[in-house]
């Protein structure tokens, strides 16, 4: 049970951190949420 909790919580924290950093980076570079974001997302989906 402890092992599963560690996996779930660490994964959730990692996703939150990635989301925060992505939003911060987009704001910093003033990236439009259209073409640039779609290209980036499609790259990571592969």
N, C-alpha and C. Protein backbone atom coordinates (compact mmCIF):
# COMPACT_ATOMS: atom_id res chain seq x y z
N UNK A 1 0.84 -1.20 0.00
CA UNK A 1 0.00 0.00 0.00
C UNK A 1 0.88 1.25 0.00
N UNK A 2 1.91 1.25 0.81
CA UNK A 2 2.80 2.41 0.87
C UNK A 2 3.45 2.66 -0.48
N UNK A 3 3.87 1.60 -1.15
CA UNK A 3 4.50 1.72 -2.46
C UNK A 3 3.55 2.35 -3.47
N UNK A 4 2.30 1.90 -3.48
CA UNK A 4 1.30 2.42 -4.41
C UNK A 4 1.04 3.90 -4.12
N UNK A 5 0.93 4.26 -2.85
CA UNK A 5 0.72 5.67 -2.48
C UNK A 5 1.86 6.53 -2.99
N UNK A 6 3.09 6.07 -2.81
CA UNK A 6 4.25 6.84 -3.26
C UNK A 6 4.21 7.06 -4.77
N UNK A 7 3.85 6.03 -5.50
CA UNK A 7 3.78 6.14 -6.95
C UNK A 7 2.70 7.15 -7.36
N UNK A 8 1.52 7.01 -6.77
CA UNK A 8 0.41 7.88 -7.14
C UNK A 8 0.70 9.33 -6.79
N UNK A 9 1.17 9.58 -5.59
CA UNK A 9 1.40 10.96 -5.17
C UNK A 9 2.57 11.58 -5.91
N UNK A 10 3.63 10.84 -6.12
CA UNK A 10 4.77 11.41 -6.83
C UNK A 10 4.40 11.70 -8.28
N UNK A 11 3.60 10.83 -8.89
CA UNK A 11 3.17 11.05 -10.27
C UNK A 11 2.29 12.30 -10.36
N UNK A 12 1.38 12.45 -9.43
CA UNK A 12 0.48 13.61 -9.43
C UNK A 12 1.28 14.89 -9.24
N UNK A 13 2.26 14.88 -8.34
CA UNK A 13 3.09 16.05 -8.10
C UNK A 13 3.90 16.41 -9.34
N UNK A 14 4.41 15.39 -10.00
CA UNK A 14 5.19 15.63 -11.21
C UNK A 14 4.33 16.28 -12.29
N UNK A 15 3.11 15.80 -12.47
CA UNK A 15 2.22 16.36 -13.49
C UNK A 15 1.88 17.81 -13.15
N UNK A 16 1.63 18.09 -11.88
CA UNK A 16 1.34 19.47 -11.48
C UNK A 16 2.53 20.37 -11.77
N UNK A 17 3.73 19.90 -11.46
CA UNK A 17 4.93 20.69 -11.68
C UNK A 17 5.13 20.96 -13.17
N UNK A 18 4.92 19.96 -13.99
CA UNK A 18 5.06 20.14 -15.43
C UNK A 18 4.04 21.15 -15.94
N UNK A 19 2.80 21.04 -15.47
CA UNK A 19 1.77 21.98 -15.88
C UNK A 19 2.09 23.40 -15.47
N UNK A 20 2.56 23.57 -14.24
CA UNK A 20 2.93 24.91 -13.76
C UNK A 20 4.05 25.49 -14.60
N UNK A 21 5.07 24.68 -14.85
CA UNK A 21 6.21 25.17 -15.63
C UNK A 21 5.81 25.50 -17.05
N UNK A 22 4.93 24.71 -17.64
CA UNK A 22 4.49 24.97 -19.01
C UNK A 22 3.72 26.28 -19.07
N UNK A 23 2.81 26.50 -18.12
CA UNK A 23 2.06 27.76 -18.11
C UNK A 23 2.98 28.95 -17.90
N UNK A 24 3.93 28.81 -16.99
CA UNK A 24 4.87 29.90 -16.71
C UNK A 24 5.70 30.21 -17.95
N UNK A 25 6.15 29.18 -18.62
CA UNK A 25 6.96 29.38 -19.82
C UNK A 25 6.14 30.04 -20.93
N UNK A 26 4.89 29.59 -21.08
CA UNK A 26 4.05 30.19 -22.12
C UNK A 26 3.81 31.67 -21.83
N UNK A 27 3.59 32.00 -20.56
CA UNK A 27 3.37 33.40 -20.20
C UNK A 27 4.64 34.21 -20.44
N UNK A 28 5.78 33.64 -20.07
CA UNK A 28 7.06 34.34 -20.20
C UNK A 28 7.39 34.64 -21.66
N UNK A 29 7.16 33.67 -22.52
CA UNK A 29 7.50 33.84 -23.93
C UNK A 29 6.34 34.34 -24.77
N UNK A 30 5.19 34.58 -24.16
CA UNK A 30 3.99 35.05 -24.87
C UNK A 30 3.66 34.16 -26.05
N UNK A 31 3.66 32.86 -25.82
CA UNK A 31 3.35 31.89 -26.88
C UNK A 31 1.85 31.87 -27.09
N UNK A 32 1.43 31.97 -28.34
CA UNK A 32 0.00 31.88 -28.62
C UNK A 32 -0.47 30.45 -28.35
N UNK A 33 -1.70 30.32 -27.91
CA UNK A 33 -2.22 29.01 -27.53
C UNK A 33 -2.75 28.23 -28.72
N UNK A 34 -2.41 28.64 -29.93
CA UNK A 34 -2.95 27.96 -31.10
C UNK A 34 -1.92 27.01 -31.71
N UNK A 35 -1.22 27.47 -32.72
CA UNK A 35 -0.34 26.60 -33.49
C UNK A 35 0.84 26.07 -32.68
N UNK A 36 1.51 26.96 -31.96
CA UNK A 36 2.70 26.53 -31.21
C UNK A 36 2.36 25.47 -30.17
N UNK A 37 1.29 25.68 -29.44
CA UNK A 37 0.91 24.73 -28.40
C UNK A 37 0.47 23.41 -29.02
N UNK A 38 -0.28 23.46 -30.09
CA UNK A 38 -0.73 22.22 -30.73
C UNK A 38 0.46 21.41 -31.24
N UNK A 39 1.45 22.07 -31.83
CA UNK A 39 2.64 21.37 -32.31
C UNK A 39 3.38 20.72 -31.15
N UNK A 40 3.52 21.45 -30.05
CA UNK A 40 4.23 20.91 -28.90
C UNK A 40 3.50 19.72 -28.31
N UNK A 41 2.19 19.85 -28.17
CA UNK A 41 1.41 18.75 -27.60
C UNK A 41 1.46 17.52 -28.49
N UNK A 42 1.37 17.71 -29.79
CA UNK A 42 1.41 16.56 -30.69
C UNK A 42 2.79 15.89 -30.64
N UNK A 43 3.84 16.66 -30.43
CA UNK A 43 5.18 16.09 -30.30
C UNK A 43 5.26 15.17 -29.08
N UNK A 44 4.71 15.62 -27.95
CA UNK A 44 4.80 14.83 -26.73
C UNK A 44 3.85 13.64 -26.74
N UNK A 45 2.83 13.65 -27.59
CA UNK A 45 1.90 12.52 -27.66
C UNK A 45 2.52 11.33 -28.38
N UNK A 46 3.55 11.57 -29.19
CA UNK A 46 4.17 10.48 -29.96
C UNK A 46 4.90 9.51 -29.10
